[in-house]
Structure formats: C-alpha cells, structure tokens
C-alpha cells in the first residue's frame, strides 16, 4: 500500500542515514522502524480520520515525541 508520511527534516535525514548503513531503501527502513514501534505499544491501536486533513491518524496509547524517536535511533 502506498501512503504519504510527513517526517520532520531531522527524522528524514536520520532515517536516510540508517537506510544507507543497512543497505536498505528508505521505505524498508521506515517500515522496520514503524513495526518495531508498534510491537512495543501496550495499548490498543486505533485509527481515526483527521477532521482537518482527512488523513488517517493512528493512536498508539501514548504520545511519541521527537526526543523518543531520536533516542531510539541513537540506540541503533
């Protein structure tokens, strides 16, 4: 399935670096990171449509901040 994701520039750069290190495409790297993040959730996953954008929004039971993502990427 094809979708559009709005990544902050710093996250995109880091994901591109990680993809290059792993010899993977950017898409494969983002899928892997998303799968790892989803596997660590302890709450139910809900998907709703954002009223303003019309795009689907996933709720994982807690807010994931840029700092959370940066910390996880630094662990790699």
N, C-alpha and C. Protein backbone atom coordinates (compact mmCIF):
# COMPACT_ATOMS: atom_id res chain seq x y z
N UNK A 1 0.84 -1.17 0.00
CA UNK A 1 0.00 0.00 0.00
C UNK A 1 0.89 1.24 0.00
N UNK A 2 0.57 2.18 -0.81
CA UNK A 2 1.33 3.42 -0.90
C UNK A 2 0.65 4.48 -0.03
N UNK A 3 1.46 5.24 0.72
CA UNK A 3 0.93 6.30 1.57
C UNK A 3 1.93 7.44 1.65
N UNK A 4 1.49 8.56 2.16
CA UNK A 4 2.36 9.72 2.33
C UNK A 4 2.53 9.98 3.82
N UNK A 5 3.77 10.19 4.25
CA UNK A 5 4.06 10.47 5.65
C UNK A 5 4.85 11.77 5.71
N UNK A 6 4.46 12.66 6.60
CA UNK A 6 5.15 13.94 6.77
C UNK A 6 6.17 13.79 7.90
N UNK A 7 7.44 13.62 7.52
CA UNK A 7 8.51 13.47 8.51
C UNK A 7 9.22 14.80 8.70
N UNK A 8 9.51 15.18 9.94
CA UNK A 8 10.35 16.35 10.16
C UNK A 8 11.71 16.12 9.48
N UNK A 9 12.34 17.17 8.96
CA UNK A 9 13.61 17.01 8.22
C UNK A 9 14.67 16.22 8.98
N UNK A 10 14.80 16.44 10.28
CA UNK A 10 15.83 15.72 11.04
C UNK A 10 15.55 14.22 11.08
N UNK A 11 14.27 13.86 11.17
CA UNK A 11 13.91 12.43 11.19
C UNK A 11 14.15 11.80 9.82
N UNK A 12 13.83 12.54 8.76
CA UNK A 12 14.06 12.00 7.42
C UNK A 12 15.56 11.78 7.18
N UNK A 13 16.37 12.77 7.57
CA UNK A 13 17.83 12.62 7.38
C UNK A 13 18.35 11.41 8.15
N UNK A 14 17.89 11.25 9.38
CA UNK A 14 18.38 10.12 10.18
C UNK A 14 17.91 8.80 9.60
N UNK A 15 16.68 8.76 9.13
CA UNK A 15 16.16 7.54 8.51
C UNK A 15 16.95 7.22 7.23
N UNK A 16 17.29 8.24 6.46
CA UNK A 16 18.10 8.03 5.25
C UNK A 16 19.49 7.52 5.61
N UNK A 17 20.08 8.06 6.66
CA UNK A 17 21.39 7.58 7.11
C UNK A 17 21.31 6.12 7.54
N UNK A 18 20.29 5.80 8.30
CA UNK A 18 20.10 4.43 8.78
C UNK A 18 19.88 3.48 7.60
N UNK A 19 19.10 3.91 6.62
CA UNK A 19 18.86 3.08 5.43
C UNK A 19 20.17 2.81 4.70
N UNK A 20 21.01 3.84 4.56
CA UNK A 20 22.30 3.66 3.89
C UNK A 20 23.19 2.71 4.67
N UNK A 21 23.21 2.85 6.00
CA UNK A 21 24.02 1.96 6.84
C UNK A 21 23.58 0.51 6.69
N UNK A 22 22.28 0.30 6.57
CA UNK A 22 21.73 -1.06 6.47
C UNK A 22 21.70 -1.59 5.04
N UNK A 23 21.95 -0.72 4.07
CA UNK A 23 21.85 -1.14 2.68
C UNK A 23 20.41 -1.41 2.26
N UNK A 24 19.47 -0.65 2.85
CA UNK A 24 18.05 -0.81 2.57
C UNK A 24 17.51 0.46 1.91
N UNK A 25 16.32 0.32 1.35
CA UNK A 25 15.63 1.52 0.85
C UNK A 25 15.10 2.31 2.04
N UNK A 26 14.81 3.58 1.81
CA UNK A 26 14.22 4.41 2.86
C UNK A 26 12.88 3.82 3.29
N UNK A 27 12.10 3.37 2.32
CA UNK A 27 10.79 2.79 2.62
C UNK A 27 10.92 1.56 3.53
N UNK A 28 11.84 0.66 3.21
CA UNK A 28 12.02 -0.55 4.02
C UNK A 28 12.46 -0.19 5.43
N UNK A 29 13.31 0.81 5.55
CA UNK A 29 13.79 1.23 6.87
C UNK A 29 12.66 1.81 7.70
N UNK A 30 11.83 2.66 7.10
CA UNK A 30 10.71 3.25 7.83
C UNK A 30 9.71 2.18 8.24
N UNK A 31 9.46 1.21 7.36
CA UNK A 31 8.56 0.10 7.71
C UNK A 31 9.11 -0.67 8.91
N UNK A 32 10.41 -0.94 8.90
CA UNK A 32 11.03 -1.66 10.01
C UNK A 32 10.91 -0.88 11.31
N UNK A 33 11.20 0.42 11.27
CA UNK A 33 11.10 1.24 12.47
C UNK A 33 9.67 1.33 12.97
N UNK A 34 8.72 1.46 12.06
CA UNK A 34 7.31 1.51 12.46
C UNK A 34 6.88 0.19 13.08
N UNK A 35 7.30 -0.93 12.49
CA UNK A 35 6.94 -2.24 13.03
C UNK A 35 7.51 -2.43 14.44
N UNK A 36 8.75 -2.00 14.64
CA UNK A 36 9.34 -2.09 15.98
C UNK A 36 8.58 -1.24 16.98
N UNK A 37 8.24 -0.04 16.58
CA UNK A 37 7.49 0.85 17.46
C UNK A 37 6.12 0.29 17.80
N UNK A 38 5.43 -0.24 16.80
CA UNK A 38 4.10 -0.81 17.03
C UNK A 38 4.17 -2.03 17.94
N UNK A 39 5.23 -2.81 17.81
CA UNK A 39 5.38 -4.01 18.63
C UNK A 39 5.58 -3.66 20.10
N UNK A 40 6.03 -2.45 20.38
CA UNK A 40 6.31 -2.06 21.76
C UNK A 40 5.13 -1.36 22.44
N UNK A 41 4.06 -1.17 21.72
CA UNK A 41 2.92 -0.49 22.33
C UNK A 41 2.20 -1.41 23.29
N UNK A 42 1.72 -0.83 24.35
CA UNK A 42 0.99 -1.63 25.33
C UNK A 42 -0.49 -1.29 25.34
N UNK A 43 -0.90 -0.39 24.48
CA UNK A 43 -2.31 -0.02 24.39
C UNK A 43 -2.86 -0.43 23.05
N UNK A 44 -4.17 -0.36 22.91
CA UNK A 44 -4.77 -0.74 21.62
C UNK A 44 -4.47 0.30 20.55
N UNK A 45 -4.36 -0.15 19.34
CA UNK A 45 -4.14 0.72 18.19
C UNK A 45 -5.49 1.17 17.67
N UNK A 46 -5.66 2.48 17.52
CA UNK A 46 -6.89 3.00 16.91
C UNK A 46 -6.51 3.86 15.72
N UNK A 47 -7.35 3.84 14.72
CA UNK A 47 -7.13 4.66 13.53
C UNK A 47 -8.37 5.50 13.31
N UNK A 48 -8.17 6.81 13.24
CA UNK A 48 -9.27 7.75 13.01
C UNK A 48 -8.89 8.65 11.85
N UNK A 49 -9.87 9.30 11.28
CA UNK A 49 -9.63 10.26 10.20
C UNK A 49 -9.54 11.66 10.79
N UNK A 50 -8.43 12.36 10.50
CA UNK A 50 -8.24 13.72 10.97
C UNK A 50 -9.25 14.64 10.29
N UNK A 51 -9.96 15.42 11.09
CA UNK A 51 -11.01 16.30 10.57
C UNK A 51 -10.44 17.34 9.61
N UNK A 52 -9.28 17.91 9.94
CA UNK A 52 -8.71 18.99 9.12
C UNK A 52 -8.07 18.47 7.83
N UNK A 53 -7.29 17.40 7.93
CA UNK A 53 -6.54 16.93 6.75
C UNK A 53 -7.26 15.84 5.97
N UNK A 54 -8.13 15.09 6.65
CA UNK A 54 -8.78 13.96 6.00
C UNK A 54 -7.91 12.72 5.95
N UNK A 55 -6.70 12.80 6.53
CA UNK A 55 -5.79 11.66 6.53
C UNK A 55 -6.04 10.77 7.75
N UNK A 56 -5.74 9.48 7.63
CA UNK A 56 -5.85 8.60 8.79
C UNK A 56 -4.78 8.95 9.82
N UNK A 57 -5.14 8.90 11.09
CA UNK A 57 -4.22 9.17 12.19
C UNK A 57 -4.27 7.97 13.12
N UNK A 58 -3.08 7.42 13.44
CA UNK A 58 -3.02 6.27 14.34
C UNK A 58 -2.75 6.73 15.76
N UNK A 59 -3.42 6.12 16.70
CA UNK A 59 -3.18 6.38 18.12
C UNK A 59 -2.63 5.11 18.74
N UNK A 60 -1.50 5.23 19.41
CA UNK A 60 -0.82 4.08 19.98
C UNK A 60 -0.97 3.99 21.49
N UNK A 61 -1.80 4.82 22.07
CA UNK A 61 -1.97 4.79 23.51
C UNK A 61 -1.08 5.77 24.26
N UNK A 62 -0.04 6.30 23.61
CA UNK A 62 0.79 7.32 24.22
C UNK A 62 1.40 8.17 23.13
N UNK A 63 1.79 9.39 23.49
CA UNK A 63 2.39 10.31 22.53
C UNK A 63 3.86 9.94 22.35
N UNK A 64 4.30 9.83 21.11
CA UNK A 64 5.70 9.57 20.80
C UNK A 64 6.30 10.90 20.33
N UNK A 65 7.26 11.39 21.09
CA UNK A 65 7.86 12.69 20.79
C UNK A 65 9.08 12.54 19.88
N UNK A 66 9.54 13.66 19.34
CA UNK A 66 10.77 13.66 18.55
C UNK A 66 11.94 13.13 19.39
N UNK A 67 11.95 13.47 20.67
CA UNK A 67 13.01 13.01 21.57
C UNK A 67 12.97 11.48 21.71
N UNK A 68 11.77 10.90 21.79
CA UNK A 68 11.64 9.44 21.86
C UNK A 68 12.23 8.79 20.62
N UNK A 69 11.89 9.34 19.46
CA UNK A 69 12.38 8.79 18.20
C UNK A 69 13.90 8.93 18.11
N UNK A 70 14.42 10.10 18.48
CA UNK A 70 15.87 10.32 18.44
C UNK A 70 16.60 9.35 19.36
N UNK A 71 16.05 9.12 20.54
CA UNK A 71 16.67 8.18 21.48
C UNK A 71 16.69 6.77 20.90
N UNK A 72 15.59 6.37 20.26
CA UNK A 72 15.53 5.04 19.68
C UNK A 72 16.53 4.90 18.53
N UNK A 73 16.63 5.94 17.70
CA UNK A 73 17.57 5.89 16.59
C UNK A 73 19.01 5.88 17.08
N UNK A 74 19.29 6.58 18.18
CA UNK A 74 20.64 6.59 18.74
C UNK A 74 21.05 5.22 19.27
N UNK A 75 20.07 4.41 19.68
CA UNK A 75 20.36 3.07 20.18
C UNK A 75 20.85 2.14 19.09
N UNK A 76 20.54 2.48 17.84
CA UNK A 76 20.91 1.62 16.70
C UNK A 76 22.39 1.57 16.58
